[in-house]
Amino acid sequence: MRLHTRLRRRTDEDGQTIVLVVIAMVALLALAAFAIDVGYVYYAHRSLQASADAAALAGAQELPDAAVAKATAQEFGTSPAGKNQLNNIGTVSETIITKCLTSLPGCDPANAVVAEESAQVPTFFARVLGVSSFNVKAKATACSYCGVKPLDIMVVVDRTGSMCMDHNGNNDPACTDMNKEKAALKEFLSFLEPARQRVGLAVFPPATSVANRCSTPSDSNYNSTSSPYVVVPLSSNYASKTGVLNSSSQLVSTISCLKAAGNTSYAVAIEKAQAELNLHGRSGVQKVIVFFSDGAANTGPSYYASSSPYRKQPCHQGVTSAGGVKTGGTIIYSIGYDLNALDGGANTCRYNGYTGPLEVPAISAYSALQQIASSLDNFYVEPSSGDLSTVYLAIAADFSRGASGLIGNETE
């Protein structure tokens, strides 16, 4: 009787254990199923986010051209023809827009690309509980000024007498063109990033000394090998941050005090700008020269022989000197300003002054400045007296092209 009772109790306990094991297995399977579904949703979200990031970054590299930026973003997104199609995570939809973020510079007409990706991600096991899919979304914003490229930049400025003449060749005591150049240069600096983009200044005619850089220049300054063309070395203190210039810095204060006089000589100014880049430029950082002139070269340093191309072919020598600079890897942007001015020599390359003999072979200032630039895309011309700011801002925008960066979506 006792044995029978013990066996019955043991059988009852065995049955209870089986029930508990089954319950535990169901729970474990449910947890495993939940983990699989959650893991798949996480994978889907990461895939969508990666696609959105790629689309926004690729599109922003094409700004400020909004149409091209949008098309490029779609090319790298999840659209049917996109390079990042995600056919394995359910139905995916994509929205690409370009927009203007007022908190960032360069909005002409857009400075940011926003890519939004969404998908209905199917479940594997959660559908037993009535959940057949999850809504997954990802968003990325990139702008063209966020990935600022490090650059060492020498700005070479024409401060010859024609910068204080009007379009008709009359003296302009207000030096309107010189003042336009100063204002445009400051606006140009305000769009750069001082932490990564250093800037120096060279002028022609050169100064008698760096200390006298604000004095009125003279043609005699060309004739001394000690006359400095580089009046401000490469520096980063021209601004505390993008858009906030330091007016007391050597660069900004020198731009403010420049005076104009004398004739025009390109070649040595370009060579000296490159020498400064070689001397103080950072290793591995792209070197750039931005060269501005309002007319043809017409003189050269007297320490060269009278038959030297520096004196007898000043425009051609400018092109030759620029060629050597470009061969070394420096990018040159050139700006031709008011080349159609009626002052007797704005677009005509001569030697021994504006009324001297023509260069042989003949060459125009337009052609010389175009050849000085690294490419046709690097040559900017404002054929008549006008606003220089748009030209300099186009160059600043070009610095940032191909250097997009992701920013927080809350920046919008």
Protein backbone atom coordinates (compact mmCIF):
# COMPACT_ATOMS: atom_id res chain seq x y z
CA MET A 1 0.00 0.00 0.00
CA ARG A 2 2.79 2.41 0.84
CA LEU A 3 4.67 1.48 -2.32
CA HIS A 4 1.60 2.17 -4.44
CA THR A 5 1.20 5.61 -2.87
CA ARG A 6 4.83 6.51 -3.52
CA LEU A 7 4.58 5.47 -7.19
CA ARG A 8 1.41 7.53 -7.67
CA ARG A 9 3.05 10.63 -6.18
CA ARG A 10 6.11 10.20 -8.39
CA THR A 11 3.92 9.90 -11.49
CA ASP A 12 2.07 13.08 -10.54
CA GLU A 13 5.36 14.95 -10.10
CA ASP A 14 6.65 13.75 -13.45
CA GLY A 15 3.53 15.11 -15.15
CA GLN A 16 3.97 18.50 -13.50
CA THR A 17 7.61 18.67 -14.64
CA ILE A 18 6.64 18.00 -18.23
CA VAL A 19 4.11 20.83 -18.13
CA LEU A 20 6.70 23.23 -16.70
CA VAL A 21 9.24 22.21 -19.32
CA VAL A 22 6.72 22.80 -22.09
CA ILE A 23 5.81 26.22 -20.69
CA ALA A 24 9.49 27.12 -20.39
CA MET A 25 10.19 25.99 -23.94
CA VAL A 26 7.30 28.04 -25.29
CA ALA A 27 8.58 31.07 -23.42
CA LEU A 28 12.11 30.53 -24.70
CA LEU A 29 10.86 30.06 -28.25
CA ALA A 30 8.78 33.23 -27.93
CA LEU A 31 11.81 35.15 -26.70
CA ALA A 32 13.91 33.73 -29.53
CA ALA A 33 11.26 34.66 -32.06
CA PHE A 34 10.99 38.15 -30.59
CA ALA A 35 14.79 38.53 -30.72
CA ILE A 36 14.84 37.48 -34.38
CA ASP A 37 12.14 39.99 -35.32
CA VAL A 38 13.73 42.81 -33.31
CA GLY A 39 17.15 42.00 -34.76
CA TYR A 40 15.75 42.10 -38.27
CA VAL A 41 14.05 45.43 -37.62
CA TYR A 42 17.34 46.80 -36.27
CA TYR A 43 19.15 45.54 -39.38
CA ALA A 44 16.51 47.15 -41.59
CA HIS A 45 16.86 50.48 -39.78
CA ARG A 46 20.66 50.46 -40.07
CA SER A 47 20.37 49.65 -43.77
CA LEU A 48 17.91 52.49 -44.31
CA GLN A 49 20.09 54.91 -42.33
CA ALA A 50 23.19 53.98 -44.31
CA SER A 51 21.30 54.52 -47.54
CA ALA A 52 19.94 57.89 -46.36
CA ASP A 53 23.43 58.99 -45.28
CA ALA A 54 24.92 58.00 -48.63
CA ALA A 55 22.18 59.77 -50.58
CA ALA A 56 22.40 63.00 -48.59
CA LEU A 57 26.21 63.13 -48.71
CA ALA A 58 26.39 62.41 -52.44
CA GLY A 59 23.74 65.00 -53.21
CA ALA A 60 25.31 67.69 -51.06
CA GLN A 61 28.56 67.40 -52.99
CA GLU A 62 26.74 68.84 -56.00
CA LEU A 63 25.35 71.90 -54.24
CA PRO A 64 24.54 74.71 -54.89
CA ASP A 65 23.03 73.16 -58.06
CA ALA A 66 19.81 71.92 -56.47
CA ALA A 67 18.59 69.92 -59.48
CA VAL A 68 21.86 68.01 -59.88
CA ALA A 69 22.10 67.53 -56.11
CA LYS A 70 18.66 65.92 -55.96
CA ALA A 71 19.33 63.67 -58.94
CA THR A 72 22.66 62.54 -57.49
CA ALA A 73 21.08 61.83 -54.10
CA GLN A 74 18.45 59.66 -55.79
CA GLU A 75 21.22 57.84 -57.64
CA PHE A 76 22.78 56.84 -54.32
CA GLY A 77 19.51 56.18 -52.48
CA THR A 78 16.95 53.40 -52.51
CA SER A 79 15.00 54.52 -55.57
CA PRO A 80 14.41 51.81 -58.21
CA ALA A 81 17.49 52.96 -60.16
CA GLY A 82 19.51 53.76 -57.04
CA LYS A 83 22.80 52.18 -56.06
CA ASN A 84 21.53 51.25 -52.60
CA GLN A 85 18.29 49.43 -53.33
CA LEU A 86 17.06 47.42 -50.33
CA ASN A 87 14.82 44.77 -51.81
CA ASN A 88 15.29 42.39 -48.89
CA ILE A 89 13.57 44.44 -46.19
CA GLY A 90 10.13 45.01 -47.62
CA THR A 91 8.58 47.92 -49.45
CA VAL A 92 10.86 50.96 -49.30
CA SER A 93 9.93 54.56 -50.13
CA GLU A 94 12.26 57.54 -50.47
CA THR A 95 11.94 61.31 -50.33
CA ILE A 96 14.79 63.63 -51.38
CA ILE A 97 14.60 67.40 -51.02
CA THR A 98 17.05 70.29 -51.18
CA LYS A 99 16.61 73.22 -48.86
CA CYS A 100 18.09 76.42 -47.50
CA LEU A 101 19.33 76.30 -43.92
CA THR A 102 19.65 79.86 -42.71
CA SER A 103 21.94 78.74 -39.91
CA LEU A 104 24.61 77.85 -42.50
CA PRO A 105 26.30 79.87 -45.26
CA GLY A 106 26.07 79.32 -49.01
CA CYS A 107 22.32 79.29 -49.53
CA ASP A 108 22.17 80.09 -53.25
CA PRO A 109 19.58 78.63 -53.76
CA ALA A 110 20.15 75.61 -51.49
CA ASN A 111 22.86 74.50 -49.08
CA ALA A 112 21.51 71.18 -47.78
CA VAL A 113 20.07 67.87 -48.96
CA VAL A 114 17.61 65.90 -46.84
CA ALA A 115 17.08 62.20 -47.55
CA GLU A 116 14.25 60.27 -45.86
CA GLU A 117 13.83 56.52 -46.21
CA SER A 118 10.96 54.43 -44.84
CA ALA A 119 9.97 50.78 -45.08
CA GLN A 120 7.29 48.31 -44.03
CA VAL A 121 9.48 45.57 -42.55
CA PRO A 122 7.67 42.18 -42.37
CA THR A 123 7.89 40.06 -39.22
CA PHE A 124 8.63 36.34 -39.02
CA PHE A 125 7.12 35.28 -35.68
CA ALA A 126 5.36 38.36 -34.29
CA ARG A 127 2.57 37.87 -36.82
CA VAL A 128 1.35 35.05 -34.55
CA LEU A 129 0.49 37.85 -32.16
CA GLY A 130 -1.16 39.86 -34.94
CA VAL A 131 1.86 42.05 -35.77
CA SER A 132 2.67 41.49 -39.44
CA SER A 133 5.12 44.36 -39.96
CA PHE A 134 6.92 47.30 -38.38
CA ASN A 135 7.23 50.85 -39.77
CA VAL A 136 10.92 51.78 -39.93
CA LYS A 137 12.19 55.27 -40.86
CA ALA A 138 15.58 56.91 -41.32
CA LYS A 139 16.59 60.47 -42.12
CA ALA A 140 19.86 62.19 -43.00
CA THR A 141 20.78 65.84 -43.66
CA ALA A 142 24.01 66.92 -45.32
CA CYS A 143 25.24 70.34 -46.36
CA SER A 144 27.89 71.55 -48.75
CA TYR A 145 29.70 73.67 -46.18
CA CYS A 146 29.92 71.07 -43.44
CA GLY A 147 32.85 69.05 -44.70
CA VAL A 148 35.25 71.97 -45.05
CA LYS A 149 38.43 70.97 -46.85
CA PRO A 150 41.73 72.11 -45.33
CA LEU A 151 43.39 74.58 -47.70
CA ASP A 152 46.36 76.93 -47.74
CA ILE A 153 45.26 79.93 -49.81
CA MET A 154 47.27 82.87 -51.14
CA VAL A 155 45.19 85.76 -52.45
CA VAL A 156 47.07 87.91 -55.00
CA VAL A 157 45.54 91.37 -55.39
CA ASP A 158 45.99 93.93 -58.16
CA ARG A 159 46.31 97.33 -56.48
CA THR A 160 47.48 99.24 -59.56
CA GLY A 161 46.38 102.76 -60.50
CA SER A 162 43.52 101.54 -62.70
CA MET A 163 41.76 100.36 -59.54
CA CYS A 164 41.20 104.08 -58.88
CA MET A 165 39.81 104.80 -62.35
CA ASP A 166 36.27 104.48 -63.65
CA HIS A 167 35.23 102.37 -66.63
CA ASN A 168 35.98 105.25 -69.03
CA GLY A 169 39.52 105.69 -67.81
CA ASN A 170 38.88 108.79 -65.73
CA ASN A 171 40.52 109.20 -62.34
CA ASP A 172 38.22 108.20 -59.50
CA PRO A 173 39.33 109.83 -56.25
CA ALA A 174 36.94 107.56 -54.32
CA CYS A 175 38.75 104.48 -55.70
CA THR A 176 35.39 102.74 -56.13
CA ASP A 177 36.81 99.61 -57.73
CA MET A 178 39.47 99.23 -55.04
CA ASN A 179 36.81 99.52 -52.37
CA LYS A 180 34.66 96.93 -54.14
CA GLU A 181 37.64 94.57 -54.14
CA LYS A 182 38.23 95.12 -50.42
CA ALA A 183 34.58 94.46 -49.56
CA ALA A 184 34.49 91.33 -51.72
CA LEU A 185 37.68 89.99 -50.14
CA LYS A 186 36.26 90.42 -46.64
CA GLU A 187 33.04 88.66 -47.62
CA PHE A 188 35.13 85.89 -49.16
CA LEU A 189 37.04 85.47 -45.88
CA SER A 190 33.79 85.36 -43.93
CA PHE A 191 32.79 82.18 -45.77
CA LEU A 192 36.01 80.34 -44.96
CA GLU A 193 36.73 78.18 -41.92
CA PRO A 194 39.79 79.55 -40.08
CA ALA A 195 40.37 76.31 -38.21
CA ARG A 196 41.08 74.51 -41.46
CA GLN A 197 41.65 77.15 -44.17
CA ARG A 198 44.64 79.45 -43.80
CA VAL A 199 44.97 82.57 -45.95
CA GLY A 200 47.82 84.92 -46.88
CA LEU A 201 47.96 88.07 -49.03
CA ALA A 202 50.28 89.15 -51.85
CA VAL A 203 49.94 92.43 -53.74
CA PHE A 204 51.27 94.11 -56.87
CA PRO A 205 52.93 96.52 -57.04
CA PRO A 206 54.81 95.19 -54.02
CA ALA A 207 55.42 97.23 -50.87
CA THR A 208 58.70 98.88 -49.91
CA SER A 209 58.49 96.78 -46.72
CA VAL A 210 55.88 94.79 -44.83
CA ALA A 211 55.68 97.63 -42.31
CA ASN A 212 54.78 100.01 -45.19
CA ARG A 213 52.21 97.73 -46.79
CA CYS A 214 49.49 100.35 -46.32
CA SER A 215 51.47 103.08 -48.11
CA THR A 216 50.66 104.13 -51.67
CA PRO A 217 52.68 101.84 -53.97
CA SER A 218 54.99 102.94 -56.76
CA ASP A 219 56.40 101.38 -59.93
CA SER A 220 59.87 101.75 -58.40
CA ASN A 221 58.86 99.06 -55.90
CA TYR A 222 59.03 96.51 -58.74
CA ASN A 223 62.73 97.23 -59.23
CA SER A 224 64.06 96.09 -55.87
CA THR A 225 64.56 92.41 -55.11
CA SER A 226 63.82 93.18 -51.46
CA SER A 227 60.35 94.64 -52.10
CA PRO A 228 57.87 92.22 -50.53
CA TYR A 229 54.92 91.02 -52.58
CA VAL A 230 53.69 88.87 -49.70
CA VAL A 231 52.51 91.39 -47.13
CA VAL A 232 50.58 88.94 -44.95
CA PRO A 233 51.85 85.37 -44.49
CA LEU A 234 49.52 82.39 -44.24
CA SER A 235 47.44 82.77 -41.10
CA SER A 236 44.26 81.57 -39.47
CA ASN A 237 43.41 84.44 -37.13
CA TYR A 238 41.48 86.39 -39.78
CA ALA A 239 38.27 85.10 -38.14
CA SER A 240 37.26 83.55 -34.85
CA LYS A 241 34.90 81.24 -36.73
CA THR A 242 33.06 81.15 -40.04
CA GLY A 243 31.27 84.46 -40.54
CA VAL A 244 32.99 86.33 -37.68
CA LEU A 245 35.99 88.29 -39.00
CA ASN A 246 38.74 89.57 -36.75
CA SER A 247 39.12 93.17 -37.93
CA SER A 248 42.32 93.61 -35.93
CA SER A 249 44.07 90.67 -37.60
CA GLN A 250 46.94 91.48 -39.94
CA LEU A 251 45.06 90.07 -42.94
CA VAL A 252 41.76 91.91 -42.47
CA SER A 253 43.38 95.19 -41.39
CA THR A 254 45.75 95.09 -44.38
CA ILE A 255 42.89 94.53 -46.81
CA SER A 256 41.16 97.54 -45.27
CA CYS A 257 44.16 99.84 -45.71
CA LEU A 258 45.31 98.94 -49.24
CA LYS A 259 45.95 101.87 -51.59
CA ALA A 260 46.23 101.75 -55.38
CA ALA A 261 48.81 103.18 -57.82
CA GLY A 262 51.32 102.10 -60.46
CA ASN A 263 51.48 99.73 -63.43
CA THR A 264 50.88 95.99 -63.68
CA SER A 265 53.23 93.01 -63.48
CA TYR A 266 51.84 89.50 -62.90
CA ALA A 267 54.71 87.06 -62.93
CA VAL A 268 56.75 87.75 -59.79
CA ALA A 269 53.61 88.22 -57.70
CA ILE A 270 52.49 84.68 -58.66
CA GLU A 271 55.95 83.27 -57.96
CA LYS A 272 56.18 84.94 -54.55
CA ALA A 273 52.72 83.70 -53.59
CA GLN A 274 53.83 80.17 -54.40
CA ALA A 275 57.05 80.68 -52.44
CA GLU A 276 54.97 81.54 -49.36
CA LEU A 277 52.89 78.40 -49.87
CA ASN A 278 56.06 76.35 -50.12
CA LEU A 279 57.59 77.99 -47.05
CA HIS A 280 54.66 78.00 -44.66
CA GLY A 281 52.11 75.68 -46.27
CA ARG A 282 51.12 72.55 -44.37
CA SER A 283 52.23 69.15 -45.54
CA GLY A 284 49.49 67.23 -47.32
CA VAL A 285 47.18 70.27 -47.57
CA GLN A 286 46.00 71.49 -50.97
CA LYS A 287 47.62 74.79 -52.00
CA VAL A 288 45.53 77.45 -53.77
CA ILE A 289 46.20 80.84 -55.37
CA VAL A 290 43.33 83.26 -56.03
CA PHE A 291 44.68 85.81 -58.53
CA PHE A 292 42.80 89.06 -59.18
CA SER A 293 43.57 91.71 -61.81
CA ASP A 294 41.64 94.43 -63.60
CA GLY A 295 43.81 94.54 -66.72
CA ALA A 296 46.84 93.58 -68.76
CA ALA A 297 50.39 93.33 -67.49
CA ASN A 298 52.54 96.11 -68.94
CA THR A 299 55.81 96.24 -67.03
CA GLY A 300 58.43 94.12 -65.30
CA PRO A 301 61.25 94.40 -62.72
CA SER A 302 64.33 96.29 -63.94
CA TYR A 303 66.65 93.74 -62.31
CA TYR A 304 65.82 91.54 -65.32
CA ALA A 305 67.45 92.33 -68.66
CA SER A 306 65.45 94.55 -71.01
CA SER A 307 65.12 91.58 -73.38
CA SER A 308 63.78 89.30 -70.64
CA PRO A 309 60.18 88.07 -71.04
CA TYR A 310 59.56 89.48 -67.54
CA ARG A 311 59.93 92.93 -69.11
CA LYS A 312 59.20 92.47 -72.81
CA GLN A 313 56.38 89.88 -72.52
CA PRO A 314 54.84 90.53 -69.09
CA CYS A 315 51.51 88.82 -69.91
CA HIS A 316 53.17 85.78 -71.47
CA GLN A 317 55.57 85.55 -68.53
CA GLY A 318 52.63 85.63 -66.13
CA VAL A 319 51.21 82.60 -67.95
CA THR A 320 54.62 80.88 -67.85
CA SER A 321 55.10 81.55 -64.13
CA ALA A 322 51.59 80.27 -63.42
CA GLY A 323 52.36 77.14 -65.45
CA GLY A 324 55.27 76.30 -63.17
CA VAL A 325 53.07 76.79 -60.13
CA LYS A 326 50.32 74.54 -61.49
CA THR A 327 52.82 71.83 -62.38
CA GLY A 328 53.69 71.67 -58.68
CA GLY A 329 50.06 70.89 -57.80
CA THR A 330 48.79 74.33 -56.76
CA ILE A 331 45.30 75.21 -57.99
CA ILE A 332 44.96 78.72 -59.42
CA TYR A 333 41.71 80.65 -59.65
CA SER A 334 41.96 83.84 -61.68
CA ILE A 335 39.57 86.78 -61.80
CA GLY A 336 39.48 89.32 -64.62
CA TYR A 337 37.69 92.52 -63.67
CA ASP A 338 36.46 95.34 -65.93
CA LEU A 339 38.58 94.10 -68.82
CA ASN A 340 36.47 96.12 -71.25
CA ALA A 341 37.35 99.39 -69.52
CA LEU A 342 38.06 102.27 -71.90
CA ASP A 343 41.33 103.31 -70.30
CA GLY A 344 43.53 102.53 -73.28
CA GLY A 345 45.05 99.31 -71.98
CA ALA A 346 42.80 97.23 -69.76
CA ASN A 347 42.68 94.28 -72.15
CA THR A 348 45.76 94.98 -74.28
CA CYS A 349 49.08 93.43 -73.26
CA ARG A 350 51.97 95.82 -73.80
CA TYR A 351 55.35 96.54 -72.25
CA ASN A 352 56.81 99.81 -71.04
CA GLY A 353 53.42 101.02 -69.81
CA TYR A 354 49.86 101.33 -71.11
CA THR A 355 50.98 103.13 -74.25
CA GLY A 356 54.08 101.04 -74.93
CA PRO A 357 54.64 98.52 -77.75
CA LEU A 358 52.39 95.46 -78.03
CA GLU A 359 53.66 92.13 -76.80
CA VAL A 360 54.83 89.75 -79.51
CA PRO A 361 53.07 87.44 -80.09
CA ALA A 362 49.95 89.46 -79.34
CA ILE A 363 47.91 88.43 -76.31
CA SER A 364 44.99 89.99 -74.43
CA ALA A 365 44.53 90.27 -70.69
CA TYR A 366 41.46 88.06 -71.04
CA SER A 367 43.51 85.31 -72.66
CA ALA A 368 46.39 85.69 -70.19
CA LEU A 369 44.16 85.49 -67.13
CA GLN A 370 42.28 82.55 -68.61
CA GLN A 371 45.55 80.69 -69.17
CA ILE A 372 46.79 81.56 -65.68
CA ALA A 373 43.81 79.70 -64.20
CA SER A 374 44.07 75.95 -63.67
CA SER A 375 41.07 75.34 -65.94
CA LEU A 376 38.25 77.17 -67.64
CA ASP A 377 36.11 76.42 -64.58
CA ASN A 378 38.68 78.26 -62.45
CA PHE A 379 38.54 81.44 -64.55
CA TYR A 380 36.03 84.09 -63.54
CA VAL A 381 35.45 87.28 -65.46
CA GLU A 382 33.49 90.40 -64.59
CA PRO A 383 33.88 92.19 -67.94
CA SER A 384 32.61 95.55 -66.73
CA SER A 385 32.74 97.37 -63.44
CA GLY A 386 30.34 95.60 -61.08
CA ASP A 387 29.86 93.54 -57.96
CA LEU A 388 32.83 91.32 -57.16
CA SER A 389 31.20 89.58 -54.22
CA THR A 390 29.37 87.06 -56.39
CA VAL A 391 32.65 86.02 -58.01
CA TYR A 392 34.46 85.50 -54.71
CA LEU A 393 31.51 83.66 -53.19
CA ALA A 394 31.43 81.34 -56.21
CA ILE A 395 35.08 80.51 -55.52
CA ALA A 396 34.35 79.97 -51.82
CA ALA A 397 31.51 77.62 -52.79
CA ASP A 398 33.84 75.76 -55.14
CA PHE A 399 36.25 75.20 -52.25
CA SER A 400 33.50 73.25 -50.50
CA ARG A 401 32.30 71.31 -53.53
CA GLY A 402 32.92 67.62 -53.02
CA ALA A 403 33.36 68.12 -49.27
CA SER A 404 29.87 67.58 -47.95
CA GLY A 405 29.21 66.57 -44.37
CA LEU A 406 26.36 65.11 -42.36
CA ILE A 407 24.72 67.38 -39.80
CA GLY A 408 22.08 66.82 -37.16
CA ASN A 409 18.55 66.77 -38.52
CA GLU A 410 17.57 69.17 -35.78
CA THR A 411 19.67 71.84 -37.57
CA GLU A 412 16.83 72.18 -40.02
